[in-house]
Amino acid sequence: MAQFPDIQQPVYPFTTKIKDPSLQSEMENGLVISRARFTRTIQTFTLKWTALPVADYVTLRDFYCNTVYGGSLAFDWYYPTVDNDSYSGQLFSVRFTGGDISFDLAGPGYYSGTLTIQEV
């Protein structure tokens, strides 16, 4: 499996979205019944850079376009190192999601942009 490139860490805020695995239905009498729809909880991570060096951007772009073909293939990604967080440094199997990625040339030699990855 491909490995996310070794580039500059994303900036804060670092966003993690946890998908609700439940299925809920409202009955005619107003009672809501629910059950687990999925057997596991899927997480989505939004990574943001405000000053990604050109060399790192080129590496990321090549990885996106020529290694995993956008959201086509899964890859391994390590959660950033964060003190007192059980996810710190944990390996996740993910793929790009949310459609296109978009980066701006923020200044001479630096790009800014955001991308979203989701557990597979």
PDB file of N, CA and C in Angstrom:
ATOM      1  N   MET A   1       0.853  -1.176   0.000  1.00  0.00           N
ATOM      2  CA  MET A   1       0.000   0.000   0.000  1.00  0.00           C
ATOM      3  C   MET A   1       0.900   1.240   0.000  1.00  0.00           C
ATOM      4  N   ALA A   2       0.449   2.255  -0.687  1.00  0.00           N
ATOM      5  CA  ALA A   2       1.201   3.511  -0.765  1.00  0.00           C
ATOM      6  C   ALA A   2       1.252   4.185   0.607  1.00  0.00           C
ATOM      7  N   GLN A   3       2.255   5.014   0.789  1.00  0.00           N
ATOM      8  CA  GLN A   3       2.463   5.755   2.036  1.00  0.00           C
ATOM      9  C   GLN A   3       2.347   7.245   1.748  1.00  0.00           C
ATOM     10  N   PHE A   4       1.563   7.984   2.567  1.00  0.00           N
ATOM     11  CA  PHE A   4       1.450   9.429   2.411  1.00  0.00           C
ATOM     12  C   PHE A   4       2.850  10.027   2.429  1.00  0.00           C
ATOM     13  N   PRO A   5       3.129  10.977   1.549  1.00  0.00           N
ATOM     14  CA  PRO A   5       4.492  11.518   1.470  1.00  0.00           C
ATOM     15  C   PRO A   5       4.949  12.208   2.755  1.00  0.00           C
ATOM     16  N   ASP A   6       6.244  12.166   2.965  1.00  0.00           N
ATOM     17  CA  ASP A   6       6.861  12.794   4.127  1.00  0.00           C
ATOM     18  C   ASP A   6       7.070  14.274   3.818  1.00  0.00           C
ATOM     19  N   ILE A   7       6.037  15.060   4.102  1.00  0.00           N
ATOM     20  CA  ILE A   7       6.069  16.494   3.847  1.00  0.00           C
ATOM     21  C   ILE A   7       5.793  17.228   5.151  1.00  0.00           C
ATOM     22  N   GLN A   8       5.851  18.558   5.106  1.00  0.00           N
ATOM     23  CA  GLN A   8       5.588  19.391   6.279  1.00  0.00           C
ATOM     24  C   GLN A   8       4.237  19.028   6.905  1.00  0.00           C
ATOM     25  N   GLN A   9       4.181  19.009   8.232  1.00  0.00           N
ATOM     26  CA  GLN A   9       2.935  18.712   8.947  1.00  0.00           C
ATOM     27  C   GLN A   9       1.886  19.783   8.657  1.00  0.00           C
ATOM     28  N   PRO A  10       0.598  19.401   8.647  1.00  0.00           N
ATOM     29  CA  PRO A  10      -0.453  20.407   8.469  1.00  0.00           C
ATOM     30  C   PRO A  10      -0.490  21.361   9.657  1.00  0.00           C
ATOM     31  N   VAL A  11      -1.126  22.505   9.445  1.00  0.00           N
ATOM     32  CA  VAL A  11      -1.240  23.506  10.505  1.00  0.00           C
ATOM     33  C   VAL A  11      -2.521  23.294  11.303  1.00  0.00           C
ATOM     34  N   TYR A  12      -2.607  23.984  12.419  1.00  0.00           N
ATOM     35  CA  TYR A  12      -3.821  23.949  13.237  1.00  0.00           C
ATOM     36  C   TYR A  12      -4.784  25.017  12.754  1.00  0.00           C
ATOM     37  N   PRO A  13      -6.084  24.859  12.869  1.00  0.00           N
ATOM     38  CA  PRO A  13      -6.730  23.737  13.529  1.00  0.00           C
ATOM     39  C   PRO A  13      -6.714  22.486  12.654  1.00  0.00           C
ATOM     40  N   PHE A  14      -6.557  21.354  13.299  1.00  0.00           N
ATOM     41  CA  PHE A  14      -6.565  20.049  12.653  1.00  0.00           C
ATOM     42  C   PHE A  14      -7.936  19.451  12.912  1.00  0.00           C
ATOM     43  N   THR A  15      -8.707  19.204  11.864  1.00  0.00           N
ATOM     44  CA  THR A  15     -10.108  18.817  12.029  1.00  0.00           C
ATOM     45  C   THR A  15     -10.310  17.320  11.852  1.00  0.00           C
ATOM     46  N   THR A  16     -10.990  16.702  12.828  1.00  0.00           N
ATOM     47  CA  THR A  16     -11.394  15.305  12.747  1.00  0.00           C
ATOM     48  C   THR A  16     -12.909  15.264  12.843  1.00  0.00           C
ATOM     49  N   LYS A  17     -13.533  14.612  11.876  1.00  0.00           N
ATOM     50  CA  LYS A  17     -14.989  14.473  11.879  1.00  0.00           C
ATOM     51  C   LYS A  17     -15.302  12.987  12.030  1.00  0.00           C
ATOM     52  N   ILE A  18     -16.143  12.665  13.016  1.00  0.00           N
ATOM     53  CA  ILE A  18     -16.518  11.278  13.268  1.00  0.00           C
ATOM     54  C   ILE A  18     -17.952  11.083  12.799  1.00  0.00           C
ATOM     55  N   LYS A  19     -18.131  10.176  11.846  1.00  0.00           N
ATOM     56  CA  LYS A  19     -19.456   9.941  11.274  1.00  0.00           C
ATOM     57  C   LYS A  19     -20.330   9.171  12.255  1.00  0.00           C
ATOM     58  N   ASP A  20     -21.549   9.643  12.445  1.00  0.00           N
ATOM     59  CA  ASP A  20     -22.510   8.978  13.320  1.00  0.00           C
ATOM     60  C   ASP A  20     -22.920   7.657  12.670  1.00  0.00           C
ATOM     61  N   PRO A  21     -22.661   6.519  13.320  1.00  0.00           N
ATOM     62  CA  PRO A  21     -22.973   5.225  12.703  1.00  0.00           C
ATOM     63  C   PRO A  21     -24.410   4.760  12.922  1.00  0.00           C
ATOM     64  N   SER A  22     -25.259   5.632  13.454  1.00  0.00           N
ATOM     65  CA  SER A  22     -26.614   5.198  13.788  1.00  0.00           C
ATOM     66  C   SER A  22     -27.610   5.468  12.666  1.00  0.00           C
ATOM     67  N   LEU A  23     -28.677   4.715  12.709  1.00  0.00           N
ATOM     68  CA  LEU A  23     -29.819   4.908  11.823  1.00  0.00           C
ATOM     69  C   LEU A  23     -31.000   5.209  12.732  1.00  0.00           C
ATOM     70  N   GLN A  24     -31.668   6.335  12.506  1.00  0.00           N
ATOM     71  CA  GLN A  24     -32.773   6.738  13.370  1.00  0.00           C
ATOM     72  C   GLN A  24     -34.035   6.937  12.539  1.00  0.00           C
ATOM     73  N   SER A  25     -35.150   6.511  13.089  1.00  0.00           N
ATOM     74  CA  SER A  25     -36.438   6.672  12.422  1.00  0.00           C
ATOM     75  C   SER A  25     -37.465   7.190  13.425  1.00  0.00           C
ATOM     76  N   GLU A  26     -38.228   8.199  12.986  1.00  0.00           N
ATOM     77  CA  GLU A  26     -39.279   8.733  13.842  1.00  0.00           C
ATOM     78  C   GLU A  26     -40.572   8.004  13.516  1.00  0.00           C
ATOM     79  N   MET A  27     -41.225   7.482  14.542  1.00  0.00           N
ATOM     80  CA  MET A  27     -42.479   6.753  14.370  1.00  0.00           C
ATOM     81  C   MET A  27     -43.649   7.742  14.334  1.00  0.00           C
ATOM     82  N   GLU A  28     -44.828   7.249  13.967  1.00  0.00           N
ATOM     83  CA  GLU A  28     -46.009   8.109  13.848  1.00  0.00           C
ATOM     84  C   GLU A  28     -46.406   8.749  15.171  1.00  0.00           C
ATOM     85  N   ASN A  29     -46.086   8.101  16.296  1.00  0.00           N
ATOM     86  CA  ASN A  29     -46.445   8.659  17.600  1.00  0.00           C
ATOM     87  C   ASN A  29     -45.366   9.590  18.154  1.00  0.00           C
ATOM     88  N   GLY A  30     -44.326   9.894  17.364  1.00  0.00           N
ATOM     89  CA  GLY A  30     -43.274  10.803  17.791  1.00  0.00           C
ATOM     90  C   GLY A  30     -42.064  10.115  18.421  1.00  0.00           C
ATOM     91  N   LEU A  31     -42.189   8.833  18.744  1.00  0.00           N
ATOM     92  CA  LEU A  31     -41.086   8.080  19.313  1.00  0.00           C
ATOM     93  C   LEU A  31     -39.993   7.888  18.262  1.00  0.00           C
ATOM     94  N   VAL A  32     -38.764   8.032  18.663  1.00  0.00           N
ATOM     95  CA  VAL A  32     -37.640   7.824  17.756  1.00  0.00           C
ATOM     96  C   VAL A  32     -36.969   6.511  18.128  1.00  0.00           C
ATOM     97  N   ILE A  33     -36.828   5.645  17.132  1.00  0.00           N
ATOM     98  CA  ILE A  33     -36.107   4.389  17.362  1.00  0.00           C
ATOM     99  C   ILE A  33     -34.776   4.480  16.628  1.00  0.00           C
ATOM    100  N   SER A  34     -33.793   3.789  17.162  1.00  0.00           N
ATOM    101  CA  SER A  34     -32.475   3.851  16.532  1.00  0.00           C
ATOM    102  C   SER A  34     -31.747   2.529  16.692  1.00  0.00           C
ATOM    103  N   ARG A  35     -30.767   2.338  15.809  1.00  0.00           N
ATOM    104  CA  ARG A  35     -29.913   1.158  15.871  1.00  0.00           C
ATOM    105  C   ARG A  35     -28.608   1.521  15.170  1.00  0.00           C
ATOM    106  N   ALA A  36     -27.610   0.705  15.389  1.00  0.00           N
ATOM    107  CA  ALA A  36     -26.339   0.910  14.701  1.00  0.00           C
ATOM    108  C   ALA A  36     -26.516   0.527  13.231  1.00  0.00           C
ATOM    109  N   ARG A  37     -26.154   1.425  12.353  1.00  0.00           N
ATOM    110  CA  ARG A  37     -26.264   1.164  10.914  1.00  0.00           C
ATOM    111  C   ARG A  37     -24.981   0.519  10.396  1.00  0.00           C
ATOM    112  N   PHE A  38     -23.856   0.929  10.966  1.00  0.00           N
ATOM    113  CA  PHE A  38     -22.555   0.421  10.548  1.00  0.00           C
ATOM    114  C   PHE A  38     -21.896  -0.285  11.723  1.00  0.00           C
ATOM    115  N   THR A  39     -20.996  -1.198  11.433  1.00  0.00           N
ATOM    116  CA  THR A  39     -20.315  -1.940  12.490  1.00  0.00           C
ATOM    117  C   THR A  39     -19.089  -1.204  13.012  1.00  0.00           C
ATOM    118  N   ARG A  40     -18.718  -0.099  12.379  1.00  0.00           N
ATOM    119  CA  ARG A  40     -17.597   0.694  12.864  1.00  0.00           C
ATOM    120  C   ARG A  40     -17.849   2.168  12.579  1.00  0.00           C
ATOM    121  N   THR A  41     -17.088   2.997  13.252  1.00  0.00           N
ATOM    122  CA  THR A  41     -17.228   4.433  13.101  1.00  0.00           C
ATOM    123  C   THR A  41     -16.135   4.941  12.170  1.00  0.00           C
ATOM    124  N   ILE A  42     -16.518   5.629  11.107  1.00  0.00           N
ATOM    125  CA  ILE A  42     -15.581   6.149  10.114  1.00  0.00           C
ATOM    126  C   ILE A  42     -15.203   7.584  10.491  1.00  0.00           C
ATOM    127  N   GLN A  43     -13.909   7.890  10.352  1.00  0.00           N
ATOM    128  CA  GLN A  43     -13.427   9.230  10.649  1.00  0.00           C
ATOM    129  C   GLN A  43     -12.886   9.893   9.391  1.00  0.00           C
ATOM    130  N   THR A  44     -13.092  11.194   9.329  1.00  0.00           N
ATOM    131  CA  THR A  44     -12.592  12.006   8.228  1.00  0.00           C
ATOM    132  C   THR A  44     -11.664  13.064   8.821  1.00  0.00           C
ATOM    133  N   PHE A  45     -10.529  13.278   8.170  1.00  0.00           N
ATOM    134  CA  PHE A  45      -9.538  14.235   8.655  1.00  0.00           C
ATOM    135  C   PHE A  45      -9.333  15.315   7.603  1.00  0.00           C
ATOM    136  N   THR A  46      -9.390  16.560   8.022  1.00  0.00           N
ATOM    137  CA  THR A  46      -9.139  17.687   7.128  1.00  0.00           C
ATOM    138  C   THR A  46      -7.763  18.246   7.441  1.00  0.00           C
ATOM    139  N   LEU A  47      -6.888  18.235   6.436  1.00  0.00           N
ATOM    140  CA  LEU A  47      -5.520  18.709   6.591  1.00  0.00           C
ATOM    141  C   LEU A  47      -5.384  20.041   5.875  1.00  0.00           C
ATOM    142  N   LYS A  48      -4.734  20.995   6.536  1.00  0.00           N
ATOM    143  CA  LYS A  48      -4.615  22.341   5.983  1.00  0.00           C
ATOM    144  C   LYS A  48      -3.177  22.818   6.097  1.00  0.00           C
ATOM    145  N   TRP A  49      -2.717  23.461   5.049  1.00  0.00           N
ATOM    146  CA  TRP A  49      -1.398  24.083   5.049  1.00  0.00           C
ATOM    147  C   TRP A  49      -1.553  25.544   4.655  1.00  0.00           C
ATOM    148  N   THR A  50      -0.835  26.428   5.326  1.00  0.00           N
ATOM    149  CA  THR A  50      -0.858  27.852   4.973  1.00  0.00           C
ATOM    150  C   THR A  50       0.443  28.290   4.311  1.00  0.00           C
ATOM    151  N   ALA A  51       1.508  27.508   4.504  1.00  0.00           N
ATOM    152  CA  ALA A  51       2.803  27.848   3.908  1.00  0.00           C
ATOM    153  C   ALA A  51       3.562  26.559   3.608  1.00  0.00           C
ATOM    154  N   LEU A  52       3.033  25.772   2.672  1.00  0.00           N
ATOM    155  CA  LEU A  52       3.659  24.508   2.268  1.00  0.00           C
ATOM    156  C   LEU A  52       4.733  24.816   1.228  1.00  0.00           C
ATOM    157  N   PRO A  53       5.998  24.482   1.512  1.00  0.00           N
ATOM    158  CA  PRO A  53       7.057  24.770   0.543  1.00  0.00           C
ATOM    159  C   PRO A  53       6.789  24.113  -0.816  1.00  0.00           C
ATOM    160  N   VAL A  54       7.236  24.747  -1.870  1.00  0.00           N
ATOM    161  CA  VAL A  54       6.992  24.266  -3.230  1.00  0.00           C
ATOM    162  C   VAL A  54       7.403  22.807  -3.388  1.00  0.00           C
ATOM    163  N   ALA A  55       8.574  22.428  -2.879  1.00  0.00           N
ATOM    164  CA  ALA A  55       9.043  21.042  -3.026  1.00  0.00           C
ATOM    165  C   ALA A  55       8.056  20.059  -2.394  1.00  0.00           C
ATOM    166  N   ASP A  56       7.509  20.405  -1.226  1.00  0.00           N
ATOM    167  CA  ASP A  56       6.520  19.543  -0.578  1.00  0.00           C
ATOM    168  C   ASP A  56       5.214  19.514  -1.367  1.00  0.00           C
ATOM    169  N   TYR A  57       4.808  20.667  -1.902  1.00  0.00           N
ATOM    170  CA  TYR A  57       3.590  20.723  -2.713  1.00  0.00           C
ATOM    171  C   TYR A  57       3.738  19.854  -3.958  1.00  0.00           C
ATOM    172  N   VAL A  58       4.872  19.928  -4.619  1.00  0.00           N
ATOM    173  CA  VAL A  58       5.114  19.118  -5.819  1.00  0.00           C
ATOM    174  C   VAL A  58       5.058  17.632  -5.467  1.00  0.00           C
ATOM    175  N   THR A  59       5.628  17.256  -4.330  1.00  0.00           N
ATOM    176  CA  THR A  59       5.581  15.862  -3.865  1.00  0.00           C
ATOM    177  C   THR A  59       4.145  15.431  -3.608  1.00  0.00           C
ATOM    178  N   LEU A  60       3.367  16.271  -2.929  1.00  0.00           N
ATOM    179  CA  LEU A  60       1.966  15.969  -2.633  1.00  0.00           C
ATOM    180  C   LEU A  60       1.150  15.878  -3.918  1.00  0.00           C
ATOM    181  N   ARG A  61       1.340  16.809  -4.830  1.00  0.00           N
ATOM    182  CA  ARG A  61       0.608  16.803  -6.096  1.00  0.00           C
ATOM    183  C   ARG A  61       0.907  15.541  -6.893  1.00  0.00           C
ATOM    184  N   ASP A  62       2.184  15.153  -6.955  1.00  0.00           N
ATOM    185  CA  ASP A  62       2.562  13.938  -7.665  1.00  0.00           C
ATOM    186  C   ASP A  62       1.928  12.704  -7.024  1.00  0.00           C
ATOM    187  N   PHE A  63       1.926  12.664  -5.689  1.00  0.00           N
ATOM    188  CA  PHE A  63       1.312  11.549  -4.971  1.00  0.00           C
ATOM    189  C   PHE A  63      -0.181  11.465  -5.305  1.00  0.00           C
ATOM    190  N   TYR A  64      -0.862  12.596  -5.269  1.00  0.00           N
ATOM    191  CA  TYR A  64      -2.303  12.654  -5.554  1.00  0.00           C
ATOM    192  C   TYR A  64      -2.609  12.244  -6.998  1.00  0.00           C
ATOM    193  N   CYS A  65      -1.845  12.767  -7.943  1.00  0.00           N
ATOM    194  CA  CYS A  65      -2.134  12.545  -9.368  1.00  0.00           C
ATOM    195  C   CYS A  65      -1.606  11.225  -9.912  1.00  0.00           C
ATOM    196  N   ASN A  66      -0.424  10.813  -9.481  1.00  0.00           N
ATOM    197  CA  ASN A  66       0.248   9.689 -10.129  1.00  0.00           C
ATOM    198  C   ASN A  66       0.422   8.435  -9.283  1.00  0.00           C
ATOM    199  N   THR A  67       0.170   8.537  -7.979  1.00  0.00           N
ATOM    200  CA  THR A  67       0.329   7.360  -7.131  1.00  0.00           C
ATOM    201  C   THR A  67      -1.023   6.779  -6.721  1.00  0.00           C
ATOM    202  N   VAL A  68      -1.907   7.625  -6.177  1.00  0.00           N
ATOM    203  CA  VAL A  68      -3.210   7.125  -5.711  1.00  0.00           C
ATOM    204  C   VAL A  68      -4.358   7.561  -6.600  1.00  0.00           C
ATOM    205  N   TYR A  69      -4.054   8.333  -7.647  1.00  0.00           N
ATOM    206  CA  TYR A  69      -5.066   8.758  -8.629  1.00  0.00           C
ATOM    207  C   TYR A  69      -6.284   9.379  -7.961  1.00  0.00           C
ATOM    208  N   GLY A  70      -6.031  10.437  -7.205  1.00  0.00           N
ATOM    209  CA  GLY A  70      -7.115  11.110  -6.493  1.00  0.00           C
ATOM    210  C   GLY A  70      -7.655  10.207  -5.399  1.00  0.00           C
ATOM    211  N   GLY A  71      -8.939   9.993  -5.381  1.00  0.00           N
ATOM    212  CA  GLY A  71      -9.556   9.140  -4.364  1.00  0.00           C
ATOM    213  C   GLY A  71      -9.660   7.682  -4.755  1.00  0.00           C
ATOM    214  N   SER A  72      -8.955   7.270  -5.811  1.00  0.00           N
ATOM    215  CA  SER A  72      -9.081   5.902  -6.318  1.00  0.00           C
ATOM    216  C   SER A  72      -8.479   4.843  -5.408  1.00  0.00           C
ATOM    217  N   LEU A  73      -7.312   5.097  -4.862  1.00  0.00           N
ATOM    218  CA  LEU A  73      -6.597   4.082  -4.092  1.00  0.00           C
ATOM    219  C   LEU A  73      -6.383   4.523  -2.646  1.00  0.00           C
ATOM    220  N   ALA A  74      -6.389   3.548  -1.751  1.00  0.00           N
ATOM    221  CA  ALA A  74      -6.120   3.808  -0.340  1.00  0.00           C
ATOM    222  C   ALA A  74      -4.617   3.915  -0.112  1.00  0.00           C
ATOM    223  N   PHE A  75      -4.254   4.563   0.984  1.00  0.00           N
ATOM    224  CA  PHE A  75      -2.847   4.691   1.352  1.00  0.00           C
ATOM    225  C   PHE A  75      -2.731   4.777   2.866  1.00  0.00           C
ATOM    226  N   ASP A  76      -1.527   4.565   3.364  1.00  0.00           N
ATOM    227  CA  ASP A  76      -1.269   4.664   4.797  1.00  0.00           C
ATOM    228  C   ASP A  76      -0.910   6.101   5.161  1.00  0.00           C
ATOM    229  N   TRP A  77      -1.442   6.555   6.291  1.00  0.00           N
ATOM    230  CA  TRP A  77      -1.195   7.913   6.768  1.00  0.00           C
ATOM    231  C   TRP A  77      -1.070   7.866   8.283  1.00  0.00           C
ATOM    232  N   TYR A  78      -0.084   8.570   8.813  1.00  0.00           N
ATOM    233  CA  TYR A  78       0.115   8.632  10.257  1.00  0.00           C
ATOM    234  C   TYR A  78      -0.473   9.915  10.817  1.00  0.00           C
ATOM    235  N   TYR A  79      -1.281   9.758  11.861  1.00  0.00           N
ATOM    236  CA  TYR A  79      -1.844  10.904  12.579  1.00  0.00           C
ATOM    237  C   TYR A  79      -0.681  11.726  13.137  1.00  0.00           C
ATOM    238  N   PRO A  80      -0.779  13.054  13.110  1.00  0.00           N
ATOM    239  CA  PRO A  80       0.323  13.883  13.620  1.00  0.00           C
ATOM    240  C   PRO A  80       0.625  13.610  15.095  1.00  0.00           C
ATOM    241  N   THR A  81       1.827  13.906  15.490  1.00  0.00           N
ATOM    242  CA  THR A  81       2.233  13.736  16.875  1.00  0.00           C
ATOM    243  C   THR A  81       1.618  14.843  17.722  1.00  0.00           C
ATOM    244  N   VAL A  82       0.791  14.438  18.684  1.00  0.00           N
ATOM    245  CA  VAL A  82       0.090  15.374  19.567  1.00  0.00           C
ATOM    246  C   VAL A  82       0.197  14.838  20.991  1.00  0.00           C
ATOM    247  N   ASP A  83       0.715  15.642  21.901  1.00  0.00           N
ATOM    248  CA  ASP A  83       0.842  15.220  23.294  1.00  0.00           C
ATOM    249  C   ASP A  83      -0.508  14.839  23.880  1.00  0.00           C
ATOM    250  N   ASN A  84      -0.530  13.768  24.649  1.00  0.00           N
ATOM    251  CA  ASN A  84      -1.705  13.300  25.389  1.00  0.00           C
ATOM    252  C   ASN A  84      -2.878  12.897  24.505  1.00  0.00           C
ATOM    253  N   ASP A  85      -2.631  12.552  23.262  1.00  0.00           N
ATOM    254  CA  ASP A  85      -3.692  12.095  22.352  1.00  0.00           C
ATOM    255  C   ASP A  85      -3.402  10.650  21.989  1.00  0.00           C
ATOM    256  N   SER A  86      -4.358   9.764  22.220  1.00  0.00           N
ATOM    257  CA  SER A  86      -4.138   8.338  21.948  1.00  0.00           C
ATOM    258  C   SER A  86      -3.946   8.065  20.456  1.00  0.00           C
ATOM    259  N   TYR A  87      -4.368   8.974  19.586  1.00  0.00           N
ATOM    260  CA  TYR A  87      -4.163   8.799  18.147  1.00  0.00           C
ATOM    261  C   TYR A  87      -2.767   9.230  17.696  1.00  0.00           C
ATOM    262  N   SER A  88      -2.022   9.886  18.545  1.00  0.00           N
ATOM    263  CA  SER A  88      -0.720  10.442  18.194  1.00  0.00           C
ATOM    264  C   SER A  88       0.175   9.386  17.547  1.00  0.00           C
ATOM    265  N   GLY A  89       0.552   9.634  16.292  1.00  0.00           N
ATOM    266  CA  GLY A  89       1.422   8.723  15.564  1.00  0.00           C
ATOM    267  C   GLY A  89       0.762   7.442  15.086  1.00  0.00           C
ATOM    268  N   GLN A  90      -0.538   7.301  15.270  1.00  0.00           N
ATOM    269  CA  GLN A  90      -1.251   6.078  14.881  1.00  0.00           C
ATOM    270  C   GLN A  90      -1.386   5.985  13.371  1.00  0.00           C
ATOM    271  N   LEU A  91      -1.266   4.771  12.845  1.00  0.00           N
ATOM    272  CA  LEU A  91      -1.400   4.522  11.413  1.00  0.00           C
ATOM    273  C   LEU A  91      -2.873   4.337  11.046  1.00  0.00           C
ATOM    274  N   PHE A  92      -3.317   5.030   9.984  1.00  0.00           N
ATOM    275  CA  PHE A  92      -4.667   4.898   9.461  1.00  0.00           C
ATOM    276  C   PHE A  92      -4.580   4.548   7.977  1.00  0.00           C
ATOM    277  N   SER A  93      -5.471   3.682   7.519  1.00  0.00           N
ATOM    278  CA  SER A  93      -5.622   3.434   6.081  1.00  0.00           C
ATOM    279  C   SER A  93      -6.717   4.369   5.605  1.00  0.00           C
ATOM    280  N   VAL A  94      -6.380   5.242   4.664  1.00  0.00           N
ATOM    281  CA  VAL A  94      -7.288   6.302   4.232  1.00  0.00           C
ATOM    282  C   VAL A  94      -7.275   6.437   2.711  1.00  0.00           C
ATOM    283  N   ARG A  95      -8.187   7.276   2.218  1.00  0.00           N
ATOM    284  CA  ARG A  95      -8.150   7.701   0.814  1.00  0.00           C
ATOM    285  C   ARG A  95      -8.614   9.146   0.758  1.00  0.00           C
ATOM    286  N   PHE A  96      -8.232   9.827  -0.320  1.00  0.00           N
ATOM    287  CA  PHE A  96      -8.698  11.201  -0.503  1.00  0.00           C
ATOM    288  C   PHE A  96     -10.200  11.171  -0.742  1.00  0.00           C
ATOM    289  N   THR A  97     -10.902  12.138  -0.191  1.00  0.00           N
ATOM    290  CA  THR A  97     -12.347  12.225  -0.348  1.00  0.00           C
ATOM    291  C   THR A  97     -12.733  13.695  -0.455  1.00  0.00           C
ATOM    292  N   GLY A  98     -13.990  13.943  -0.733  1.00  0.00           N
ATOM    293  CA  GLY A  98     -14.472  15.318  -0.789  1.00  0.00           C
ATOM    294  C   GLY A  98     -14.253  15.986  -2.133  1.00  0.00           C
ATOM    295  N   GLY A  99     -13.944  15.200  -3.159  1.00  0.00           N
ATOM    296  CA  GLY A  99     -13.760  15.797  -4.484  1.00  0.00           C
ATOM    297  C   GLY A  99     -12.355  16.322  -4.686  1.00  0.00           C
ATOM    298  N   ASP A 100     -12.249  17.369  -5.465  1.00  0.00           N
ATOM    299  CA  ASP A 100     -10.952  17.925  -5.847  1.00  0.00           C
ATOM    300  C   ASP A 100     -10.215  18.515  -4.648  1.00  0.00           C
ATOM    301  N   ILE A 101      -8.891  18.585  -4.766  1.00  0.00           N
ATOM    302  CA  ILE A 101      -8.110  19.336  -3.795  1.00  0.00           C
ATOM    303  C   ILE A 101      -7.744  20.660  -4.450  1.00  0.00           C
ATOM    304  N   SER A 102      -7.566  21.672  -3.644  1.00  0.00           N
ATOM    305  CA  SER A 102      -7.295  22.996  -4.181  1.00  0.00           C
ATOM    306  C   SER A 102      -6.187  23.660  -3.375  1.00  0.00           C
ATOM    307  N   PHE A 103      -5.144  24.112  -4.081  1.00  0.00           N
ATOM    308  CA  PHE A 103      -4.038  24.818  -3.434  1.00  0.00           C
ATOM    309  C   PHE A 103      -3.796  26.122  -4.165  1.00  0.00           C
ATOM    310  N   ASP A 104      -3.440  27.147  -3.408  1.00  0.00           N
ATOM    311  CA  ASP A 104      -3.128  28.464  -3.961  1.00  0.00           C
ATOM    312  C   ASP A 104      -1.642  28.736  -3.784  1.00  0.00           C
ATOM    313  N   LEU A 105      -1.058  29.419  -4.758  1.00  0.00           N
ATOM    314  CA  LEU A 105       0.300  29.907  -4.594  1.00  0.00           C
ATOM    315  C   LEU A 105       0.189  31.113  -3.668  1.00  0.00           C
ATOM    316  N   ALA A 106       0.518  30.910  -2.377  1.00  0.00           N
ATOM    317  CA  ALA A 106       0.270  31.917  -1.350  1.00  0.00           C
ATOM    318  C   ALA A 106       1.330  33.009  -1.313  1.00  0.00           C
ATOM    319  N   GLY A 107       2.462  32.722  -1.852  1.00  0.00           N
ATOM    320  CA  GLY A 107       3.569  33.672  -1.858  1.00  0.00           C
ATOM    321  C   GLY A 107       4.745  33.018  -2.546  1.00  0.00           C
ATOM    322  N   PRO A 108       5.807  33.746  -2.776  1.00  0.00           N
ATOM    323  CA  PRO A 108       6.954  33.160  -3.450  1.00  0.00           C
ATOM    324  C   PRO A 108       7.465  31.912  -2.712  1.00  0.00           C
ATOM    325  N   GLY A 109       7.353  30.767  -3.356  1.00  0.00           N
ATOM    326  CA  GLY A 109       7.873  29.521  -2.795  1.00  0.00           C
ATOM    327  C   GLY A 109       6.965  28.781  -1.847  1.00  0.00           C
ATOM    328  N   TYR A 110       5.706  29.244  -1.677  1.00  0.00           N
ATOM    329  CA  TYR A 110       4.803  28.593  -0.720  1.00  0.00           C
ATOM    330  C   TYR A 110       3.388  28.465  -1.267  1.00  0.00           C
ATOM    331  N   TYR A 111       2.772  27.325  -0.973  1.00  0.00           N
ATOM    332  CA  TYR A 111       1.385  27.059  -1.339  1.00  0.00           C
ATOM    333  C   TYR A 111       0.538  26.956  -0.088  1.00  0.00           C
ATOM    334  N   SER A 112      -0.736  27.260  -0.222  1.00  0.00           N
ATOM    335  CA  SER A 112      -1.690  27.033   0.869  1.00  0.00           C
ATOM    336  C   SER A 112      -2.859  26.256   0.299  1.00  0.00           C
ATOM    337  N   GLY A 113      -3.430  25.401   1.123  1.00  0.00           N
ATOM    338  CA  GLY A 113      -4.558  24.608   0.647  1.00  0.00           C
ATOM    339  C   GLY A 113      -5.042  23.627   1.691  1.00  0.00           C
ATOM    340  N   THR A 114      -6.124  22.960   1.337  1.00  0.00           N
ATOM    341  CA  THR A 114      -6.788  22.027   2.228  1.00  0.00           C
ATOM    342  C   THR A 114      -7.149  20.770   1.458  1.00  0.00           C
ATOM    343  N   LEU A 115      -7.072  19.626   2.130  1.00  0.00           N
ATOM    344  CA  LEU A 115      -7.545  18.375   1.533  1.00  0.00           C
ATOM    345  C   LEU A 115      -8.193  17.538   2.625  1.00  0.00           C
ATOM    346  N   THR A 116      -9.006  16.597   2.205  1.00  0.00           N
ATOM    347  CA  THR A 116      -9.729  15.748   3.140  1.00  0.00           C
ATOM    348  C   THR A 116      -9.422  14.295   2.852  1.00  0.00           C
ATOM    349  N   ILE A 117      -9.155  13.549   3.907  1.00  0.00           N
ATOM    350  CA  ILE A 117      -8.926  12.111   3.791  1.00  0.00           C
ATOM    351  C   ILE A 117      -9.897  11.391   4.713  1.00  0.00           C
ATOM    352  N   GLN A 118     -10.267  10.159   4.344  1.00  0.00           N
ATOM    353  CA  GLN A 118     -11.248   9.404   5.132  1.00  0.00           C
ATOM    354  C   GLN A 118     -10.769   7.969   5.311  1.00  0.00           C
ATOM    355  N   GLU A 119     -11.030   7.421   6.485  1.00  0.00           N
ATOM    356  CA  GLU A 119     -10.689   6.017   6.739  1.00  0.00           C
ATOM    357  C   GLU A 119     -11.375   5.103   5.729  1.00  0.00           C
ATOM    358  N   VAL A 120     -10.703   4.021   5.405  1.00  0.00           N
ATOM    359  CA  VAL A 120     -11.323   3.014   4.527  1.00  0.00           C
ATOM    360  C   VAL A 120     -11.605   1.756   5.302  1.00  0.00           C
TER     361      VAL A 120
END
